[in-house]
C-alpha atoms as a PDB file:
ATOM      1  CA  MET A   1      -5.205  31.721  31.890  1.00  0.00           C
ATOM      2  CA  VAL A   2      -5.621  34.355  34.606  1.00  0.00           C
ATOM      3  CA  HIS A   3      -6.366  38.031  34.023  1.00  0.00           C
ATOM      4  CA  ILE A   4      -4.199  40.296  36.186  1.00  0.00           C
ATOM      5  CA  ALA A   5      -3.439  44.003  36.419  1.00  0.00           C
ATOM      6  CA  VAL A   6      -0.692  46.282  37.674  1.00  0.00           C
ATOM      7  CA  ALA A   7      -1.758  49.579  39.187  1.00  0.00           C
ATOM      8  CA  GLN A   8       0.372  52.639  39.800  1.00  0.00           C
ATOM      9  CA  PHE A   9      -0.246  55.830  41.702  1.00  0.00           C
ATOM     10  CA  ALA A  10       1.716  58.264  43.884  1.00  0.00           C
ATOM     11  CA  PRO A  11       0.971  57.448  47.540  1.00  0.00           C
ATOM     12  CA  GLY A  12       1.199  60.386  49.926  1.00  0.00           C
ATOM     13  CA  VAL A  13       1.165  60.978  53.666  1.00  0.00           C
ATOM     14  CA  ASN A  14      -2.621  60.617  54.077  1.00  0.00           C
ATOM     15  CA  LYS A  15      -3.402  56.938  54.514  1.00  0.00           C
ATOM     16  CA  ASP A  16      -7.130  57.400  53.996  1.00  0.00           C
ATOM     17  CA  GLU A  17      -6.521  59.101  50.653  1.00  0.00           C
ATOM     18  CA  ASN A  18      -4.098  56.352  49.668  1.00  0.00           C
ATOM     19  CA  LEU A  19      -6.668  53.659  50.496  1.00  0.00           C
ATOM     20  CA  ALA A  20      -9.277  55.545  48.495  1.00  0.00           C
ATOM     21  CA  ALA A  21      -6.924  55.682  45.501  1.00  0.00           C
ATOM     22  CA  ILE A  22      -6.274  51.950  45.818  1.00  0.00           C
ATOM     23  CA  GLY A  23     -10.020  51.343  45.992  1.00  0.00           C
ATOM     24  CA  LYS A  24     -10.659  53.316  42.813  1.00  0.00           C
ATOM     25  CA  LEU A  25      -7.910  51.491  40.933  1.00  0.00           C
ATOM     26  CA  THR A  26      -9.025  48.091  42.276  1.00  0.00           C
ATOM     27  CA  GLY A  27     -12.545  48.750  41.026  1.00  0.00           C
ATOM     28  CA  GLU A  28     -11.202  49.725  37.617  1.00  0.00           C
ATOM     29  CA  ALA A  29      -9.015  46.618  37.425  1.00  0.00           C
ATOM     30  CA  ALA A  30     -11.844  44.323  38.521  1.00  0.00           C
ATOM     31  CA  GLY A  31     -14.115  45.949  35.960  1.00  0.00           C
ATOM     32  CA  ARG A  32     -11.618  44.991  33.293  1.00  0.00           C
ATOM     33  CA  GLY A  33     -11.643  41.362  34.432  1.00  0.00           C
ATOM     34  CA  ALA A  34      -8.559  41.225  36.666  1.00  0.00           C
ATOM     35  CA  LYS A  35      -8.394  38.488  39.300  1.00  0.00           C
ATOM     36  CA  VAL A  36      -5.104  39.758  40.753  1.00  0.00           C
ATOM     37  CA  VAL A  37      -4.155  43.436  41.174  1.00  0.00           C
ATOM     38  CA  VAL A  38      -0.583  44.408  42.086  1.00  0.00           C
ATOM     39  CA  PHE A  39       0.071  47.792  43.737  1.00  0.00           C
ATOM     40  CA  PRO A  40       3.362  49.577  44.522  1.00  0.00           C
ATOM     41  CA  GLU A  41       5.733  49.346  47.455  1.00  0.00           C
ATOM     42  CA  PHE A  42       4.827  51.637  50.400  1.00  0.00           C
ATOM     43  CA  ALA A  43       1.311  52.000  48.972  1.00  0.00           C
ATOM     44  CA  MET A  44       0.062  52.679  52.502  1.00  0.00           C
ATOM     45  CA  PHE A  45       2.208  55.758  53.167  1.00  0.00           C
ATOM     46  CA  THR A  46       4.993  57.591  51.376  1.00  0.00           C
ATOM     47  CA  ALA A  47       6.628  60.878  52.343  1.00  0.00           C
ATOM     48  CA  PRO A  48       8.957  62.843  50.056  1.00  0.00           C
ATOM     49  CA  LYS A  49      11.861  61.975  52.365  1.00  0.00           C
ATOM     50  CA  MET A  50      12.333  58.729  54.263  1.00  0.00           C
ATOM     51  CA  ASP A  51      12.256  59.888  57.867  1.00  0.00           C
ATOM     52  CA  GLU A  52      10.450  59.256  61.148  1.00  0.00           C
ATOM     53  CA  ARG A  53       7.088  59.817  59.466  1.00  0.00           C
ATOM     54  CA  PHE A  54       7.391  56.322  57.984  1.00  0.00           C
ATOM     55  CA  VAL A  55       7.796  54.915  61.498  1.00  0.00           C
ATOM     56  CA  ASP A  56       4.933  56.993  62.901  1.00  0.00           C
ATOM     57  CA  SER A  57       2.629  55.800  60.103  1.00  0.00           C
ATOM     58  CA  ALA A  58       3.340  52.099  60.620  1.00  0.00           C
ATOM     59  CA  GLU A  59       0.598  49.639  61.528  1.00  0.00           C
ATOM     60  CA  PRO A  60       0.474  45.928  62.340  1.00  0.00           C
ATOM     61  CA  LEU A  61      -0.740  43.586  59.625  1.00  0.00           C
ATOM     62  CA  ASP A  62      -4.078  43.298  61.412  1.00  0.00           C
ATOM     63  CA  GLY A  63      -4.384  47.088  61.539  1.00  0.00           C
ATOM     64  CA  PRO A  64      -6.914  49.361  59.846  1.00  0.00           C
ATOM     65  CA  PHE A  65      -5.079  49.827  56.552  1.00  0.00           C
ATOM     66  CA  ALA A  66      -4.626  46.112  55.939  1.00  0.00           C
ATOM     67  CA  GLY A  67      -8.240  45.703  56.998  1.00  0.00           C
ATOM     68  CA  GLY A  68      -9.238  48.242  54.359  1.00  0.00           C
ATOM     69  CA  LEU A  69      -7.308  46.331  51.714  1.00  0.00           C
ATOM     70  CA  ALA A  70      -9.033  43.115  52.792  1.00  0.00           C
ATOM     71  CA  GLU A  71     -12.426  44.785  52.437  1.00  0.00           C
ATOM     72  CA  LEU A  72     -11.528  45.976  48.924  1.00  0.00           C
ATOM     73  CA  ALA A  73     -10.466  42.436  47.979  1.00  0.00           C
ATOM     74  CA  ARG A  74     -13.794  41.071  49.284  1.00  0.00           C
ATOM     75  CA  ARG A  75     -15.894  43.785  47.661  1.00  0.00           C
ATOM     76  CA  HIS A  76     -14.391  43.318  44.219  1.00  0.00           C
ATOM     77  CA  GLY A  77     -13.705  39.579  44.434  1.00  0.00           C
ATOM     78  CA  VAL A  78     -10.003  39.939  43.585  1.00  0.00           C
ATOM     79  CA  HIS A  79      -6.563  39.210  44.991  1.00  0.00           C
ATOM     80  CA  VAL A  80      -4.686  42.343  46.076  1.00  0.00           C
ATOM     81  CA  VAL A  81      -0.917  42.678  46.514  1.00  0.00           C
ATOM     82  CA  ALA A  82       0.332  45.908  48.122  1.00  0.00           C
ATOM     83  CA  GLY A  83       3.177  47.334  50.181  1.00  0.00           C
ATOM     84  CA  LEU A  84       2.690  48.380  53.816  1.00  0.00           C
ATOM     85  CA  ASN A  85       4.758  50.059  56.531  1.00  0.00           C
ATOM     86  CA  GLU A  86       4.590  47.311  59.154  1.00  0.00           C
ATOM     87  CA  ARG A  87       4.959  48.205  62.819  1.00  0.00           C
ATOM     88  CA  LEU A  88       7.611  46.278  64.728  1.00  0.00           C
ATOM     89  CA  ASP A  89       8.366  45.782  68.396  1.00  0.00           C
ATOM     90  CA  GLU A  90      11.720  47.492  67.754  1.00  0.00           C
ATOM     91  CA  PRO A  91      11.533  51.226  68.527  1.00  0.00           C
ATOM     92  CA  GLY A  92      12.257  53.544  65.629  1.00  0.00           C
ATOM     93  CA  ARG A  93      12.168  50.848  62.937  1.00  0.00           C
ATOM     94  CA  ILE A  94       9.608  49.304  60.593  1.00  0.00           C
ATOM     95  CA  SER A  95       9.388  46.460  58.123  1.00  0.00           C
ATOM     96  CA  ASN A  96       8.854  47.165  54.416  1.00  0.00           C
ATOM     97  CA  THR A  97       6.231  44.458  53.920  1.00  0.00           C
ATOM     98  CA  LEU A  98       4.131  43.102  51.079  1.00  0.00           C
ATOM     99  CA  VAL A  99       0.832  41.345  51.691  1.00  0.00           C
ATOM    100  CA  ALA A 100      -1.280  39.280  49.323  1.00  0.00           C
ATOM    101  CA  LEU A 101      -4.953  39.238  50.245  1.00  0.00           C
ATOM    102  CA  GLY A 102      -7.488  36.837  48.758  1.00  0.00           C
ATOM    103  CA  PRO A 103     -11.039  37.603  47.618  1.00  0.00           C
ATOM    104  CA  GLY A 104     -12.250  36.335  50.972  1.00  0.00           C
ATOM    105  CA  GLY A 105     -10.174  39.023  52.705  1.00  0.00           C
ATOM    106  CA  ASP A 106      -7.707  36.494  54.110  1.00  0.00           C
ATOM    107  CA  THR A 107      -3.924  36.946  54.020  1.00  0.00           C
ATOM    108  CA  LEU A 108      -2.436  34.417  51.587  1.00  0.00           C
ATOM    109  CA  ALA A 109       1.246  35.409  51.651  1.00  0.00           C
ATOM    110  CA  GLU A 110       3.613  37.947  53.174  1.00  0.00           C
ATOM    111  CA  TYR A 111       7.036  39.201  52.144  1.00  0.00           C
ATOM    112  CA  ARG A 112       9.427  41.475  54.028  1.00  0.00           C
ATOM    113  CA  LYS A 113      11.992  43.235  51.873  1.00  0.00           C
ATOM    114  CA  ILE A 114      15.383  41.531  52.153  1.00  0.00           C
ATOM    115  CA  HIS A 115      17.651  43.949  50.270  1.00  0.00           C
ATOM    116  CA  LEU A 116      17.205  47.489  51.532  1.00  0.00           C
ATOM    117  CA  TYR A 117      17.843  50.542  49.385  1.00  0.00           C
ATOM    118  CA  ASP A 118      21.210  51.662  50.742  1.00  0.00           C
ATOM    119  CA  ALA A 119      22.332  53.017  47.377  1.00  0.00           C
ATOM    120  CA  PHE A 120      22.216  56.095  45.149  1.00  0.00           C
ATOM    121  CA  GLY A 121      22.505  58.325  48.223  1.00  0.00           C
ATOM    122  CA  TYR A 122      19.691  56.649  50.199  1.00  0.00           C
ATOM    123  CA  LYS A 123      19.876  54.704  53.479  1.00  0.00           C
ATOM    124  CA  GLU A 124      16.667  52.705  53.858  1.00  0.00           C
ATOM    125  CA  SER A 125      18.209  50.550  56.574  1.00  0.00           C
ATOM    126  CA  ALA A 126      18.323  53.556  58.919  1.00  0.00           C
ATOM    127  CA  LEU A 127      14.599  53.045  59.531  1.00  0.00           C
ATOM    128  CA  VAL A 128      13.762  49.647  58.024  1.00  0.00           C
ATOM    129  CA  ARG A 129      14.735  46.210  59.300  1.00  0.00           C
ATOM    130  CA  HIS A 130      15.858  43.608  56.770  1.00  0.00           C
ATOM    131  CA  GLY A 131      13.382  40.811  56.221  1.00  0.00           C
ATOM    132  CA  GLU A 132      14.465  37.406  57.443  1.00  0.00           C
ATOM    133  CA  ILE A 133      15.555  34.954  54.782  1.00  0.00           C
ATOM    134  CA  ALA A 134      12.973  32.191  54.746  1.00  0.00           C
ATOM    135  CA  ASP A 135      11.267  29.904  52.264  1.00  0.00           C
ATOM    136  CA  PRO A 136       9.391  32.119  49.794  1.00  0.00           C
ATOM    137  CA  GLU A 137       5.652  32.352  50.349  1.00  0.00           C
ATOM    138  CA  THR A 138       3.432  31.916  47.287  1.00  0.00           C
ATOM    139  CA  PHE A 139      -0.266  31.913  46.492  1.00  0.00           C
ATOM    140  CA  THR A 140      -2.143  30.250  43.644  1.00  0.00           C
ATOM    141  CA  VAL A 141      -4.992  31.593  41.538  1.00  0.00           C
ATOM    142  CA  GLU A 142      -6.745  29.247  39.110  1.00  0.00           C
ATOM    143  CA  GLY A 143      -3.656  27.075  38.733  1.00  0.00           C
ATOM    144  CA  VAL A 144      -1.159  29.960  38.399  1.00  0.00           C
ATOM    145  CA  THR A 145       1.326  30.427  41.255  1.00  0.00           C
ATOM    146  CA  PHE A 146       2.476  33.903  42.315  1.00  0.00           C
ATOM    147  CA  GLY A 147       5.511  34.946  44.356  1.00  0.00           C
ATOM    148  CA  MET A 148       6.537  38.374  45.655  1.00  0.00           C
ATOM    149  CA  GLN A 149       9.611  40.560  46.067  1.00  0.00           C
ATOM    150  CA  THR A 150      10.196  44.287  46.466  1.00  0.00           C
ATOM    151  CA  CYS A 151      11.877  47.007  44.402  1.00  0.00           C
ATOM    152  CA  TYR A 152      15.654  46.974  45.105  1.00  0.00           C
ATOM    153  CA  ASP A 153      15.509  43.159  45.441  1.00  0.00           C
ATOM    154  CA  VAL A 154      15.273  43.052  41.623  1.00  0.00           C
ATOM    155  CA  ARG A 155      18.981  43.948  41.429  1.00  0.00           C
ATOM    156  CA  PHE A 156      19.773  40.585  43.079  1.00  0.00           C
ATOM    157  CA  PRO A 157      18.824  37.780  40.659  1.00  0.00           C
ATOM    158  CA  GLU A 158      19.108  35.065  43.273  1.00  0.00           C
ATOM    159  CA  VAL A 159      16.005  36.445  45.037  1.00  0.00           C
ATOM    160  CA  THR A 160      13.822  35.740  42.011  1.00  0.00           C
ATOM    161  CA  ARG A 161      15.494  32.393  41.386  1.00  0.00           C
ATOM    162  CA  ARG A 162      14.536  31.189  44.877  1.00  0.00           C
ATOM    163  CA  ILE A 163      10.936  32.283  44.245  1.00  0.00           C
ATOM    164  CA  VAL A 164      10.908  30.353  40.957  1.00  0.00           C
ATOM    165  CA  ASP A 165      12.322  27.307  42.731  1.00  0.00           C
ATOM    166  CA  ALA A 166       9.353  27.615  45.113  1.00  0.00           C
ATOM    167  CA  GLY A 167       7.066  27.111  42.110  1.00  0.00           C
ATOM    168  CA  ALA A 168       6.148  30.617  41.007  1.00  0.00           C
ATOM    169  CA  ASP A 169       4.895  31.246  37.468  1.00  0.00           C
ATOM    170  CA  VAL A 170       4.448  34.977  38.095  1.00  0.00           C
ATOM    171  CA  LEU A 171       6.555  37.424  40.098  1.00  0.00           C
ATOM    172  CA  ALA A 172       4.636  40.303  41.702  1.00  0.00           C
ATOM    173  CA  LEU A 173       7.167  43.133  41.950  1.00  0.00           C
ATOM    174  CA  PRO A 174       5.891  46.214  43.819  1.00  0.00           C
ATOM    175  CA  ALA A 175       8.330  49.132  43.803  1.00  0.00           C
ATOM    176  CA  ALA A 176       8.931  52.764  44.643  1.00  0.00           C
ATOM    177  CA  TRP A 177      11.670  53.126  42.036  1.00  0.00           C
ATOM    178  CA  VAL A 178      13.302  56.496  42.683  1.00  0.00           C
ATOM    179  CA  PRO A 179      13.739  58.593  39.508  1.00  0.00           C
ATOM    180  CA  GLY A 180      17.215  59.605  38.413  1.00  0.00           C
ATOM    181  CA  PRO A 181      19.786  59.329  35.638  1.00  0.00           C
ATOM    182  CA  LEU A 182      19.387  55.972  33.861  1.00  0.00           C
ATOM    183  CA  LYS A 183      17.035  54.731  36.581  1.00  0.00           C
ATOM    184  CA  GLU A 184      14.083  54.066  34.254  1.00  0.00           C
ATOM    185  CA  ASP A 185      16.402  52.127  31.976  1.00  0.00           C
ATOM    186  CA  HIS A 186      17.667  50.076  34.936  1.00  0.00           C
ATOM    187  CA  TRP A 187      14.087  49.339  36.027  1.00  0.00           C
ATOM    188  CA  ARG A 188      12.938  48.107  32.644  1.00  0.00           C
ATOM    189  CA  THR A 189      16.163  46.176  31.963  1.00  0.00           C
ATOM    190  CA  LEU A 190      16.246  44.433  35.343  1.00  0.00           C
ATOM    191  CA  ALA A 191      12.546  43.513  35.337  1.00  0.00           C
ATOM    192  CA  ARG A 192      12.815  42.065  31.830  1.00  0.00           C
ATOM    193  CA  ALA A 193      16.008  40.206  32.755  1.00  0.00           C
ATOM    194  CA  ARG A 194      14.309  38.521  35.721  1.00  0.00           C
ATOM    195  CA  ALA A 195      11.519  37.371  33.388  1.00  0.00           C
ATOM    196  CA  ILE A 196      13.881  36.122  30.681  1.00  0.00           C
ATOM    197  CA  GLU A 197      16.389  34.263  32.829  1.00  0.00           C
ATOM    198  CA  ASN A 198      13.682  32.577  34.912  1.00  0.00           C
ATOM    199  CA  THR A 199      11.122  32.073  32.101  1.00  0.00           C
ATOM    200  CA  ILE A 200       8.337  33.586  34.199  1.00  0.00           C
ATOM    201  CA  TYR A 201       5.927  36.501  34.057  1.00  0.00           C
ATOM    202  CA  VAL A 202       6.797  39.664  35.967  1.00  0.00           C
ATOM    203  CA  ALA A 203       4.023  41.997  37.149  1.00  0.00           C
ATOM    204  CA  ALA A 204       5.975  45.131  38.071  1.00  0.00           C
ATOM    205  CA  ALA A 205       3.973  47.877  39.816  1.00  0.00           C
ATOM    206  CA  GLY A 206       5.795  51.103  40.623  1.00  0.00           C
ATOM    207  CA  GLN A 207       4.890  54.366  42.247  1.00  0.00           C
ATOM    208  CA  CYS A 208       4.474  57.086  39.644  1.00  0.00           C
ATOM    209  CA  ALA A 209       5.524  60.720  39.513  1.00  0.00           C
ATOM    210  CA  PRO A 210       6.511  62.606  41.551  1.00  0.00           C
ATOM    211  CA  THR A 211       7.564  59.923  44.055  1.00  0.00           C
ATOM    212  CA  GLY A 212       8.489  57.170  41.601  1.00  0.00           C
ATOM    213  CA  ALA A 213       9.555  56.502  38.041  1.00  0.00           C
ATOM    214  CA  GLY A 214       6.291  54.820  37.007  1.00  0.00           C
ATOM    215  CA  ASN A 215       6.697  52.487  34.036  1.00  0.00           C
ATOM    216  CA  SER A 216       4.640  49.700  35.585  1.00  0.00           C
ATOM    217  CA  MET A 217       4.412  46.726  33.262  1.00  0.00           C
ATOM    218  CA  ILE A 218       3.529  43.095  32.721  1.00  0.00           C
ATOM    219  CA  ILE A 219       6.331  41.078  31.111  1.00  0.00           C
ATOM    220  CA  ASP A 220       5.957  37.597  29.632  1.00  0.00           C
ATOM    221  CA  PRO A 221       8.448  34.710  30.038  1.00  0.00           C
ATOM    222  CA  MET A 222      10.227  35.699  26.808  1.00  0.00           C
ATOM    223  CA  GLY A 223      10.828  39.189  28.165  1.00  0.00           C
ATOM    224  CA  VAL A 224       8.132  40.822  26.040  1.00  0.00           C
ATOM    225  CA  VAL A 225       6.406  43.789  27.695  1.00  0.00           C
ATOM    226  CA  VAL A 226       2.818  42.833  26.928  1.00  0.00           C
ATOM    227  CA  SER A 227       1.286  45.909  28.597  1.00  0.00           C
ATOM    228  CA  GLY A 228       2.580  48.924  30.454  1.00  0.00           C
ATOM    229  CA  LEU A 229       2.089  52.438  31.777  1.00  0.00           C
ATOM    230  CA  GLY A 230       4.058  55.674  31.589  1.00  0.00           C
ATOM    231  CA  GLU A 231       4.375  58.286  34.314  1.00  0.00           C
ATOM    232  CA  SER A 232       0.703  58.809  35.234  1.00  0.00           C
ATOM    233  CA  PRO A 233      -1.609  56.956  37.623  1.00  0.00           C
ATOM    234  CA  GLY A 234      -3.594  54.118  36.151  1.00  0.00           C
ATOM    235  CA  VAL A 235      -4.226  50.415  35.686  1.00  0.00           C
ATOM    236  CA  VAL A 236      -3.046  48.165  32.901  1.00  0.00           C
ATOM    237  CA  PRO A 237      -4.363  44.612  32.442  1.00  0.00           C
ATOM    238  CA  GLY A 238      -2.689  41.516  31.069  1.00  0.00           C
ATOM    239  CA  GLU A 239      -3.033  37.747  30.917  1.00  0.00           C
ATOM    240  CA  VAL A 240      -0.779  35.127  32.467  1.00  0.00           C
ATOM    241  CA  SER A 241      -0.900  31.556  31.261  1.00  0.00           C
ATOM    242  CA  PRO A 242       0.833  28.405  32.523  1.00  0.00           C
ATOM    243  CA  GLU A 243       0.713  27.155  28.932  1.00  0.00           C
ATOM    244  CA  ARG A 244       2.824  30.134  27.841  1.00  0.00           C
ATOM    245  CA  VAL A 245       5.319  29.394  30.629  1.00  0.00           C
ATOM    246  CA  ALA A 246       5.538  25.757  29.507  1.00  0.00           C
ATOM    247  CA  GLU A 247       5.905  26.781  25.853  1.00  0.00           C
ATOM    248  CA  VAL A 248       8.791  29.135  26.630  1.00  0.00           C
ATOM    249  CA  ARG A 249      10.513  26.617  28.877  1.00  0.00           C
ATOM    250  CA  GLU A 250      10.375  24.033  26.105  1.00  0.00           C
ATOM    251  CA  LYS A 251      12.125  26.461  23.762  1.00  0.00           C
ATOM    252  CA  ASN A 252      14.523  27.738  26.423  1.00  0.00           C
ATOM    253  CA  PRO A 253      15.062  25.095  29.126  1.00  0.00           C
ATOM    254  CA  ALA A 254      17.520  27.308  31.019  1.00  0.00           C
ATOM    255  CA  LEU A 255      16.206  26.336  34.448  1.00  0.00           C
ATOM    256  CA  GLY A 256      16.790  22.670  33.723  1.00  0.00           C
ATOM    257  CA  LEU A 257      20.224  23.270  32.198  1.00  0.00           C
ATOM    258  CA  ARG A 258      21.716  25.366  35.003  1.00  0.00           C
ATOM    259  CA  ARG A 259      24.819  24.077  36.766  1.00  0.00           C
ATOM    260  CA  PHE A 260      24.639  26.155  39.944  1.00  0.00           C
ATOM    261  CA  GLY A 261      22.170  26.471  42.805  1.00  0.00           C
ATOM    262  CA  ILE A 262      21.454  29.217  45.341  1.00  0.00           C
ATOM    263  CA  THR A 263      23.028  29.277  48.803  1.00  0.00           C
ATOM    264  CA  VAL A 264      22.241  31.749  51.543  1.00  0.00           C
ATOM    265  CA  ALA A 265      25.111  34.034  52.549  1.00  0.00           C
ATOM    266  CA  GLU A 266      25.972  34.297  56.235  1.00  0.00           C
END
C-alpha cells in the first residue's frame, strides 16, 4: 500500500509564486503521509488566455522551475508529478510536459501531451507541439507502478489502455480542465470510466477556480471516488494498493477478456 495525494491550486503568471504554492501543498501532503503528490497541468505557469506568454514562460527540463520541484521532492522525501511549459527549439511553440521527480530529485519519467485541446473553442495546437507517440514511461514506488497522461487525453481511452499495458497500477492525470456547461460532469465521468474499464487507480489533479474546474480526486479500480476536492485549493490523500487492483481484476477480468488491441494511427 502506498499513500498518495492529489493537490489542486490555481497557477498564475508568476512562476515563483506558483512554486511557493506547490511547496506549501507538498509539505502538507508529506505531513499527511503521502509518498507521491500529483499536481495539475501547467502548474508552472498559467495565463487567463493561452497566448505568447506561455511561450515566453517556457523553460527546459533542467531549468530553474524543474530544479525547484526537484528540491521540494528532496526536502520532503516524496515523488512529485507536475505539469511544465517546456521550451523547444521550435520558435513560437512549447511542449505541454509532465515530469515525475523522485525523492532524490532525479527525473523518473516524462510525458508530453499527445492530444491537444483543440475543442470547445480553444486551439492549444497553435502554441503547443503534440508529444511524440512512444512507449509510455512509468515509475514505481514501493511495488506500485505509476503512469502519466494529461487532461484532454482522458477523452481518448486508448491512451490509458497503452499505459496499463505498460504495467501501470495508477494513472496520474494532471489537468487544467476548463469550466463550462457540463464540463465538471464530463471530467468526473471520464476519469471514473478510465479507472473502471482499466481496473486501475486514477489520481486526477486539476487546476481550481478561476482557471480550472477543480474536482481533483482519487478513484479506485472499481470507479469509487475514495477522496476528492471541490473548487478550492488544497490537498486530499488516499491509498493505492496492488492487492486492491488484483482483487478487482479477479472480479472483473476485463483486461484479460478483451478481443481488441491498440494500434497507432498514422
